[in-house]
PDB file of N, CA and C in Angstrom:
ATOM      1  N   UNK A   1     -86.788 107.928 -69.600  1.00  0.00           N
ATOM      2  CA  UNK A   1     -86.724 107.317 -70.973  1.00  0.00           C
ATOM      3  C   UNK A   1     -88.234 107.052 -71.358  1.00  0.00           C
ATOM      4  N   UNK A   2     -88.407 107.198 -72.808  1.00  0.00           N
ATOM      5  CA  UNK A   2     -89.807 107.128 -73.292  1.00  0.00           C
ATOM      6  C   UNK A   2     -90.087 105.626 -73.475  1.00  0.00           C
ATOM      7  N   UNK A   3     -91.231 105.156 -73.118  1.00  0.00           N
ATOM      8  CA  UNK A   3     -91.601 103.776 -73.511  1.00  0.00           C
ATOM      9  C   UNK A   3     -92.329 103.609 -74.800  1.00  0.00           C
ATOM     10  N   UNK A   4     -92.125 102.392 -75.474  1.00  0.00           N
ATOM     11  CA  UNK A   4     -92.778 102.112 -76.702  1.00  0.00           C
ATOM     12  C   UNK A   4     -94.363 101.975 -76.373  1.00  0.00           C
ATOM     13  N   UNK A   5     -94.987 102.503 -77.108  1.00  0.00           N
ATOM     14  CA  UNK A   5     -96.617 102.540 -76.977  1.00  0.00           C
ATOM     15  C   UNK A   5     -97.172 101.898 -78.273  1.00  0.00           C
ATOM     16  N   UNK A   6     -97.752 100.713 -78.107  1.00  0.00           N
ATOM     17  CA  UNK A   6     -98.359 100.075 -79.388  1.00  0.00           C
ATOM     18  C   UNK A   6     -99.528 100.748 -79.817  1.00  0.00           C
ATOM     19  N   UNK A   7    -100.196 101.381 -78.901  1.00  0.00           N
ATOM     20  CA  UNK A   7    -101.555 102.095 -79.234  1.00  0.00           C
ATOM     21  C   UNK A   7    -101.372 103.575 -79.326  1.00  0.00           C
ATOM     22  N   UNK A   8    -100.225 104.060 -79.621  1.00  0.00           N
ATOM     23  CA  UNK A   8    -100.055 105.550 -79.693  1.00  0.00           C
ATOM     24  C   UNK A   8    -100.737 106.157 -80.774  1.00  0.00           C
ATOM     25  N   UNK A   9    -101.122 107.387 -80.736  1.00  0.00           N
ATOM     26  CA  UNK A   9    -102.071 108.166 -81.588  1.00  0.00           C
ATOM     27  C   UNK A   9    -101.284 109.269 -82.058  1.00  0.00           C
ATOM     28  N   UNK A  10    -101.740 109.765 -83.287  1.00  0.00           N
ATOM     29  CA  UNK A  10    -101.076 110.987 -83.792  1.00  0.00           C
ATOM     30  C   UNK A  10    -101.940 112.169 -83.307  1.00  0.00           C
ATOM     31  N   UNK A  11    -101.097 112.890 -82.241  1.00  0.00           N
ATOM     32  CA  UNK A  11    -101.771 113.984 -81.554  1.00  0.00           C
ATOM     33  C   UNK A  11    -101.624 115.309 -82.280  1.00  0.00           C
ATOM     34  N   UNK A  12    -100.636 115.418 -83.324  1.00  0.00           N
ATOM     35  CA  UNK A  12    -100.519 116.745 -83.940  1.00  0.00           C
ATOM     36  C   UNK A  12    -100.937 116.742 -85.495  1.00  0.00           C
ATOM     37  N   UNK A  13    -101.351 115.433 -85.847  1.00  0.00           N
ATOM     38  CA  UNK A  13    -101.907 115.484 -87.259  1.00  0.00           C
ATOM     39  C   UNK A  13    -100.824 115.357 -88.407  1.00  0.00           C
ATOM     40  N   UNK A  14     -99.528 115.098 -88.038  1.00  0.00           N
ATOM     41  CA  UNK A  14     -98.529 115.158 -88.968  1.00  0.00           C
ATOM     42  C   UNK A  14     -98.396 113.682 -89.621  1.00  0.00           C
ATOM     43  N   UNK A  15     -99.165 112.678 -89.082  1.00  0.00           N
ATOM     44  CA  UNK A  15     -99.017 111.278 -89.773  1.00  0.00           C
ATOM     45  C   UNK A  15     -97.982 110.382 -89.030  1.00  0.00           C
ATOM     46  N   UNK A  16     -97.365 110.931 -87.963  1.00  0.00           N
ATOM     47  CA  UNK A  16     -96.489 110.184 -87.225  1.00  0.00           C
ATOM     48  C   UNK A  16     -96.761 110.181 -85.830  1.00  0.00           C
ATOM     49  N   UNK A  17     -96.528 108.951 -85.257  1.00  0.00           N
ATOM     50  CA  UNK A  17     -96.825 108.689 -83.769  1.00  0.00           C
ATOM     51  C   UNK A  17     -95.541 108.659 -83.003  1.00  0.00           C
ATOM     52  N   UNK A  18     -95.481 108.984 -81.787  1.00  0.00           N
ATOM     53  CA  UNK A  18     -94.413 109.005 -80.942  1.00  0.00           C
ATOM     54  C   UNK A  18     -93.320 109.951 -81.487  1.00  0.00           C
ATOM     55  N   UNK A  19     -93.669 111.165 -81.825  1.00  0.00           N
ATOM     56  CA  UNK A  19     -92.718 112.119 -82.419  1.00  0.00           C
ATOM     57  C   UNK A  19     -91.553 112.365 -81.567  1.00  0.00           C
ATOM     58  N   UNK A  20     -90.405 112.436 -82.180  1.00  0.00           N
ATOM     59  CA  UNK A  20     -89.059 112.836 -81.507  1.00  0.00           C
ATOM     60  C   UNK A  20     -88.675 111.710 -80.417  1.00  0.00           C
ATOM     61  N   UNK A  21     -89.005 110.614 -80.655  1.00  0.00           N
ATOM     62  CA  UNK A  21     -88.579 109.512 -79.802  1.00  0.00           C
ATOM     63  C   UNK A  21     -87.827 108.462 -80.520  1.00  0.00           C
ATOM     64  N   UNK A  22     -87.204 107.471 -80.085  1.00  0.00           N
ATOM     65  CA  UNK A  22     -86.654 106.357 -80.906  1.00  0.00           C
ATOM     66  C   UNK A  22     -87.671 105.548 -81.592  1.00  0.00           C
ATOM     67  N   UNK A  23     -88.906 105.696 -81.180  1.00  0.00           N
ATOM     68  CA  UNK A  23     -89.954 104.900 -81.568  1.00  0.00           C
ATOM     69  C   UNK A  23     -90.878 105.528 -82.640  1.00  0.00           C
ATOM     70  N   UNK A  24     -90.430 106.765 -83.153  1.00  0.00           N
ATOM     71  CA  UNK A  24     -91.203 107.488 -84.110  1.00  0.00           C
ATOM     72  C   UNK A  24     -91.439 106.593 -85.320  1.00  0.00           C
ATOM     73  N   UNK A  25     -92.673 106.558 -85.794  1.00  0.00           N
ATOM     74  CA  UNK A  25     -93.077 105.934 -87.041  1.00  0.00           C
ATOM     75  C   UNK A  25     -94.309 106.453 -87.693  1.00  0.00           C
ATOM     76  N   UNK A  26     -94.547 106.148 -88.829  1.00  0.00           N
ATOM     77  CA  UNK A  26     -95.753 106.513 -89.573  1.00  0.00           C
ATOM     78  C   UNK A  26     -97.021 105.904 -88.832  1.00  0.00           C
ATOM     79  N   UNK A  27     -98.077 106.727 -88.912  1.00  0.00           N
ATOM     80  CA  UNK A  27     -99.309 106.198 -88.281  1.00  0.00           C
ATOM     81  C   UNK A  27     -99.797 104.816 -88.745  1.00  0.00           C
ATOM     82  N   UNK A  28     -99.560 104.621 -90.134  1.00  0.00           N
ATOM     83  CA  UNK A  28    -100.116 103.497 -90.811  1.00  0.00           C
ATOM     84  C   UNK A  28     -99.427 102.203 -90.591  1.00  0.00           C
ATOM     85  N   UNK A  29     -98.217 102.455 -89.984  1.00  0.00           N
ATOM     86  CA  UNK A  29     -97.309 101.330 -89.705  1.00  0.00           C
ATOM     87  C   UNK A  29     -97.985 100.413 -88.740  1.00  0.00           C
ATOM     88  N   UNK A  30     -98.132  99.137 -89.163  1.00  0.00           N
ATOM     89  CA  UNK A  30     -98.699  98.095 -88.310  1.00  0.00           C
ATOM     90  C   UNK A  30     -97.685  97.704 -87.294  1.00  0.00           C
ATOM     91  N   UNK A  31     -97.954  97.298 -86.017  1.00  0.00           N
ATOM     92  CA  UNK A  31     -97.083  96.806 -85.139  1.00  0.00           C
ATOM     93  C   UNK A  31     -96.976  95.310 -85.387  1.00  0.00           C
ATOM     94  N   UNK A  32     -95.637  94.767 -85.645  1.00  0.00           N
ATOM     95  CA  UNK A  32     -95.620  93.347 -85.794  1.00  0.00           C
ATOM     96  C   UNK A  32     -95.806  92.728 -84.465  1.00  0.00           C
ATOM     97  N   UNK A  33     -96.431  91.465 -84.469  1.00  0.00           N
ATOM     98  CA  UNK A  33     -96.673  90.696 -83.366  1.00  0.00           C
ATOM     99  C   UNK A  33     -95.278  90.273 -82.840  1.00  0.00           C
ATOM    100  N   UNK A  34     -95.242  90.577 -81.466  1.00  0.00           N
ATOM    101  CA  UNK A  34     -93.985  90.289 -80.846  1.00  0.00           C
ATOM    102  C   UNK A  34     -94.120  88.762 -80.578  1.00  0.00           C
ATOM    103  N   UNK A  35     -92.912  88.061 -80.747  1.00  0.00           N
ATOM    104  CA  UNK A  35     -92.933  86.560 -80.445  1.00  0.00           C
ATOM    105  C   UNK A  35     -93.145  86.419 -79.026  1.00  0.00           C
ATOM    106  N   UNK A  36     -93.892  85.366 -78.742  1.00  0.00           N
ATOM    107  CA  UNK A  36     -94.181  85.055 -77.408  1.00  0.00           C
ATOM    108  C   UNK A  36     -93.014  84.171 -76.822  1.00  0.00           C
ATOM    109  N   UNK A  37     -92.368  84.545 -75.936  1.00  0.00           N
ATOM    110  CA  UNK A  37     -91.293  83.804 -75.369  1.00  0.00           C
ATOM    111  C   UNK A  37     -91.637  83.051 -74.209  1.00  0.00           C
ATOM    112  N   UNK A  38     -91.517  81.618 -74.291  1.00  0.00           N
ATOM    113  CA  UNK A  38     -92.065  80.776 -73.273  1.00  0.00           C
ATOM    114  C   UNK A  38     -90.952  80.686 -72.163  1.00  0.00           C
ATOM    115  N   UNK A  39     -91.301  80.574 -71.121  1.00  0.00           N
ATOM    116  CA  UNK A  39     -90.251  80.305 -69.963  1.00  0.00           C
ATOM    117  C   UNK A  39     -89.827  78.966 -70.137  1.00  0.00           C
ATOM    118  N   UNK A  40     -88.494  78.848 -70.364  1.00  0.00           N
ATOM    119  CA  UNK A  40     -87.899  77.450 -70.571  1.00  0.00           C
ATOM    120  C   UNK A  40     -87.673  76.777 -69.227  1.00  0.00           C
ATOM    121  N   UNK A  41     -87.769  77.596 -68.149  1.00  0.00           N
ATOM    122  CA  UNK A  41     -87.686  76.890 -66.930  1.00  0.00           C
ATOM    123  C   UNK A  41     -88.949  76.365 -66.365  1.00  0.00           C
ATOM    124  N   UNK A  42     -89.026  75.043 -66.322  1.00  0.00           N
ATOM    125  CA  UNK A  42     -90.254  74.498 -65.835  1.00  0.00           C
ATOM    126  C   UNK A  42     -89.949  74.129 -64.369  1.00  0.00           C
ATOM    127  N   UNK A  43     -91.030  74.209 -63.612  1.00  0.00           N
ATOM    128  CA  UNK A  43     -90.913  73.694 -62.250  1.00  0.00           C
ATOM    129  C   UNK A  43     -90.546  72.285 -62.099  1.00  0.00           C
ATOM    130  N   UNK A  44     -89.544  71.985 -61.326  1.00  0.00           N
ATOM    131  CA  UNK A  44     -89.178  70.676 -61.184  1.00  0.00           C
ATOM    132  C   UNK A  44     -89.838  70.060 -60.047  1.00  0.00           C
ATOM    133  N   UNK A  45     -90.599  69.082 -60.273  1.00  0.00           N
ATOM    134  CA  UNK A  45     -91.449  68.415 -59.159  1.00  0.00           C
ATOM    135  C   UNK A  45     -90.367  67.709 -58.462  1.00  0.00           C
ATOM    136  N   UNK A  46     -90.258  68.045 -57.030  1.00  0.00           N
ATOM    137  CA  UNK A  46     -89.322  67.293 -56.075  1.00  0.00           C
ATOM    138  C   UNK A  46     -90.069  66.170 -55.467  1.00  0.00           C
ATOM    139  N   UNK A  47     -89.707  65.023 -55.511  1.00  0.00           N
ATOM    140  CA  UNK A  47     -90.268  63.983 -54.695  1.00  0.00           C
ATOM    141  C   UNK A  47     -89.603  63.901 -53.403  1.00  0.00           C
ATOM    142  N   UNK A  48     -90.641  64.133 -52.304  1.00  0.00           N
ATOM    143  CA  UNK A  48     -90.100  64.055 -51.028  1.00  0.00           C
ATOM    144  C   UNK A  48     -91.154  63.318 -50.226  1.00  0.00           C
ATOM    145  N   UNK A  49     -90.551  62.911 -49.059  1.00  0.00           N
ATOM    146  CA  UNK A  49     -91.406  62.197 -48.057  1.00  0.00           C
ATOM    147  C   UNK A  49     -91.025  62.994 -46.735  1.00  0.00           C
ATOM    148  N   UNK A  50     -92.158  62.876 -45.863  1.00  0.00           N
ATOM    149  CA  UNK A  50     -91.980  63.630 -44.623  1.00  0.00           C
ATOM    150  C   UNK A  50     -91.769  62.718 -43.644  1.00  0.00           C
ATOM    151  N   UNK A  51     -90.946  63.041 -42.643  1.00  0.00           N
ATOM    152  CA  UNK A  51     -90.706  62.272 -41.444  1.00  0.00           C
ATOM    153  C   UNK A  51     -90.583  63.312 -40.181  1.00  0.00           C
ATOM    154  N   UNK A  52     -90.927  62.805 -38.977  1.00  0.00           N
ATOM    155  CA  UNK A  52     -90.725  63.555 -37.865  1.00  0.00           C
ATOM    156  C   UNK A  52     -89.684  62.978 -37.004  1.00  0.00           C
ATOM    157  N   UNK A  53     -88.743  63.753 -36.579  1.00  0.00           N
ATOM    158  CA  UNK A  53     -87.704  63.237 -35.797  1.00  0.00           C
ATOM    159  C   UNK A  53     -87.767  63.838 -34.274  1.00  0.00           C
ATOM    160  N   UNK A  54     -87.533  62.955 -33.234  1.00  0.00           N
ATOM    161  CA  UNK A  54     -87.651  63.416 -31.873  1.00  0.00           C
ATOM    162  C   UNK A  54     -86.292  64.020 -31.550  1.00  0.00           C
ATOM    163  N   UNK A  55     -85.166  63.857 -32.306  1.00  0.00           N
ATOM    164  CA  UNK A  55     -83.863  64.665 -32.057  1.00  0.00           C
ATOM    165  C   UNK A  55     -83.100  64.758 -33.373  1.00  0.00           C
ATOM    166  N   UNK A  56     -81.942  65.499 -33.267  1.00  0.00           N
ATOM    167  CA  UNK A  56     -81.113  65.592 -34.443  1.00  0.00           C
ATOM    168  C   UNK A  56     -80.442  64.442 -34.719  1.00  0.00           C
ATOM    169  N   UNK A  57     -80.385  64.066 -36.124  1.00  0.00           N
ATOM    170  CA  UNK A  57     -79.639  62.930 -36.568  1.00  0.00           C
ATOM    171  C   UNK A  57     -78.684  63.316 -37.786  1.00  0.00           C
ATOM    172  N   UNK A  58     -77.682  62.602 -37.996  1.00  0.00           N
ATOM    173  CA  UNK A  58     -76.767  62.710 -39.119  1.00  0.00           C
ATOM    174  C   UNK A  58     -76.487  61.384 -39.705  1.00  0.00           C
ATOM    175  N   UNK A  59     -76.628  61.080 -40.892  1.00  0.00           N
ATOM    176  CA  UNK A  59     -76.220  59.888 -41.593  1.00  0.00           C
ATOM    177  C   UNK A  59     -75.243  60.124 -42.682  1.00  0.00           C
ATOM    178  N   UNK A  60     -74.006  59.672 -42.706  1.00  0.00           N
ATOM    179  CA  UNK A  60     -72.971  60.016 -43.689  1.00  0.00           C
ATOM    180  C   UNK A  60     -73.613  59.560 -45.138  1.00  0.00           C
ATOM    181  N   UNK A  61     -73.498  60.281 -46.165  1.00  0.00           N
ATOM    182  CA  UNK A  61     -74.019  59.993 -47.439  1.00  0.00           C
ATOM    183  C   UNK A  61     -75.566  60.103 -47.679  1.00  0.00           C
ATOM    184  N   UNK A  62     -76.267  60.408 -46.547  1.00  0.00           N
ATOM    185  CA  UNK A  62     -77.681  60.432 -46.668  1.00  0.00           C
ATOM    186  C   UNK A  62     -78.043  61.955 -46.287  1.00  0.00           C
ATOM    187  N   UNK A  63     -77.646  62.418 -45.209  1.00  0.00           N
ATOM    188  CA  UNK A  63     -77.991  63.904 -44.814  1.00  0.00           C
ATOM    189  C   UNK A  63     -78.123  64.052 -43.316  1.00  0.00           C
ATOM    190  N   UNK A  64     -78.895  65.115 -42.964  1.00  0.00           N
ATOM    191  CA  UNK A  64     -79.133  65.472 -41.609  1.00  0.00           C
ATOM    192  C   UNK A  64     -80.666  65.625 -41.391  1.00  0.00           C
ATOM    193  N   UNK A  65     -81.111  65.239 -40.339  1.00  0.00           N
ATOM    194  CA  UNK A  65     -82.527  65.526 -39.822  1.00  0.00           C
ATOM    195  C   UNK A  65     -82.334  66.559 -38.490  1.00  0.00           C
ATOM    196  N   UNK A  66     -83.260  67.398 -38.413  1.00  0.00           N
ATOM    197  CA  UNK A  66     -83.311  68.225 -37.198  1.00  0.00           C
ATOM    198  C   UNK A  66     -84.634  67.761 -36.472  1.00  0.00           C
ATOM    199  N   UNK A  67     -84.557  68.187 -35.175  1.00  0.00           N
ATOM    200  CA  UNK A  67     -85.795  67.844 -34.300  1.00  0.00           C
ATOM    201  C   UNK A  67     -87.135  68.504 -34.985  1.00  0.00           C
ATOM    202  N   UNK A  68     -88.106  67.678 -35.162  1.00  0.00           N
ATOM    203  CA  UNK A  68     -89.301  68.268 -35.780  1.00  0.00           C
ATOM    204  C   UNK A  68     -89.474  67.508 -37.126  1.00  0.00           C
ATOM    205  N   UNK A  69     -90.267  68.290 -37.893  1.00  0.00           N
ATOM    206  CA  UNK A  69     -90.707  67.777 -39.113  1.00  0.00           C
ATOM    207  C   UNK A  69     -89.651  68.031 -40.198  1.00  0.00           C
ATOM    208  N   UNK A  70     -89.313  67.031 -41.077  1.00  0.00           N
ATOM    209  CA  UNK A  70     -88.310  67.132 -42.142  1.00  0.00           C
ATOM    210  C   UNK A  70     -88.763  66.512 -43.274  1.00  0.00           C
ATOM    211  N   UNK A  71     -88.431  67.133 -44.595  1.00  0.00           N
ATOM    212  CA  UNK A  71     -88.675  66.558 -45.780  1.00  0.00           C
ATOM    213  C   UNK A  71     -87.386  65.896 -46.375  1.00  0.00           C
ATOM    214  N   UNK A  72     -87.626  64.602 -46.719  1.00  0.00           N
ATOM    215  CA  UNK A  72     -86.441  63.646 -47.204  1.00  0.00           C
ATOM    216  C   UNK A  72     -86.759  63.162 -48.641  1.00  0.00           C
ATOM    217  N   UNK A  73     -85.646  62.692 -49.285  1.00  0.00           N
ATOM    218  CA  UNK A  73     -85.874  61.953 -50.542  1.00  0.00           C
ATOM    219  C   UNK A  73     -86.495  60.567 -50.259  1.00  0.00           C
ATOM    220  N   UNK A  74     -87.402  60.143 -51.053  1.00  0.00           N
ATOM    221  CA  UNK A  74     -88.081  58.782 -50.911  1.00  0.00           C
ATOM    222  C   UNK A  74     -86.914  57.680 -50.782  1.00  0.00           C
ATOM    223  N   UNK A  75     -85.894  57.679 -51.639  1.00  0.00           N
ATOM    224  CA  UNK A  75     -84.905  56.705 -51.567  1.00  0.00           C
ATOM    225  C   UNK A  75     -84.121  56.582 -50.264  1.00  0.00           C
ATOM    226  N   UNK A  76     -84.195  57.727 -49.283  1.00  0.00           N
ATOM    227  CA  UNK A  76     -83.652  57.695 -48.179  1.00  0.00           C
ATOM    228  C   UNK A  76     -84.501  57.238 -46.908  1.00  0.00           C
ATOM    229  N   UNK A  77     -85.770  57.100 -47.268  1.00  0.00           N
ATOM    230  CA  UNK A  77     -86.743  56.933 -46.337  1.00  0.00           C
ATOM    231  C   UNK A  77     -86.521  55.734 -45.404  1.00  0.00           C
ATOM    232  N   UNK A  78     -86.293  54.609 -45.939  1.00  0.00           N
ATOM    233  CA  UNK A  78     -85.985  53.406 -45.293  1.00  0.00           C
ATOM    234  C   UNK A  78     -84.804  53.593 -44.269  1.00  0.00           C
ATOM    235  N   UNK A  79     -83.899  54.226 -44.561  1.00  0.00           N
ATOM    236  CA  UNK A  79     -82.574  54.421 -43.732  1.00  0.00           C
ATOM    237  C   UNK A  79     -83.121  55.224 -42.487  1.00  0.00           C
ATOM    238  N   UNK A  80     -83.913  56.438 -42.869  1.00  0.00           N
ATOM    239  CA  UNK A  80     -84.243  57.417 -41.672  1.00  0.00           C
ATOM    240  C   UNK A  80     -85.287  56.686 -40.855  1.00  0.00           C
ATOM    241  N   UNK A  81     -86.266  55.880 -41.426  1.00  0.00           N
ATOM    242  CA  UNK A  81     -87.189  55.307 -40.580  1.00  0.00           C
ATOM    243  C   UNK A  81     -86.754  54.129 -39.719  1.00  0.00           C
ATOM    244  N   UNK A  82     -85.532  53.638 -40.081  1.00  0.00           N
ATOM    245  CA  UNK A  82     -84.972  52.543 -39.240  1.00  0.00           C
ATOM    246  C   UNK A  82     -84.377  53.013 -37.990  1.00  0.00           C
ATOM    247  N   UNK A  83     -84.319  54.338 -37.694  1.00  0.00           N
ATOM    248  CA  UNK A  83     -83.854  54.899 -36.406  1.00  0.00           C
ATOM    249  C   UNK A  83     -84.835  55.083 -35.373  1.00  0.00           C
ATOM    250  N   UNK A  84     -84.505  54.938 -34.228  1.00  0.00           N
ATOM    251  CA  UNK A  84     -85.518  55.194 -33.168  1.00  0.00           C
ATOM    252  C   UNK A  84     -85.718  56.712 -33.054  1.00  0.00           C
ATOM    253  N   UNK A  85     -86.984  57.014 -32.850  1.00  0.00           N
ATOM    254  CA  UNK A  85     -87.255  58.464 -32.673  1.00  0.00           C
ATOM    255  C   UNK A  85     -87.603  59.144 -34.098  1.00  0.00           C
ATOM    256  N   UNK A  86     -87.729  58.246 -35.233  1.00  0.00           N
ATOM    257  CA  UNK A  86     -88.037  58.843 -36.442  1.00  0.00           C
ATOM    258  C   UNK A  86     -89.287  58.202 -37.029  1.00  0.00           C
ATOM    259  N   UNK A  87     -90.204  58.859 -37.343  1.00  0.00           N
ATOM    260  CA  UNK A  87     -91.501  58.318 -37.925  1.00  0.00           C
ATOM    261  C   UNK A  87     -92.096  58.934 -39.049  1.00  0.00           C
ATOM    262  N   UNK A  88     -92.892  58.343 -39.868  1.00  0.00           N
ATOM    263  CA  UNK A  88     -93.363  59.039 -40.982  1.00  0.00           C
ATOM    264  C   UNK A  88     -94.469  60.146 -40.618  1.00  0.00           C
ATOM    265  N   UNK A  89     -94.610  61.035 -41.478  1.00  0.00           N
ATOM    266  CA  UNK A  89     -95.722  62.071 -41.071  1.00  0.00           C
ATOM    267  C   UNK A  89     -96.979  61.543 -41.574  1.00  0.00           C
TER     268      UNK A  89
END
């Protein structure tokens, strides 16, 4: 497939660029500025807190910790830190 070239030149002198393609156009045709499409997805900042657990834990309605370093939601930090073997990073 042939790509659209904004900077195409008239190679054969007939006054047309990109001959015999879907993008064929007169040489004096100005290319309209293409609208800039902004990415509507913005990164969502996750608020997390870090805890270190000495063993695996599970709290219903809160979630699960595995042995080692874990990222948790700040609103759950008090519940996790109340357990033996869990400390803040």
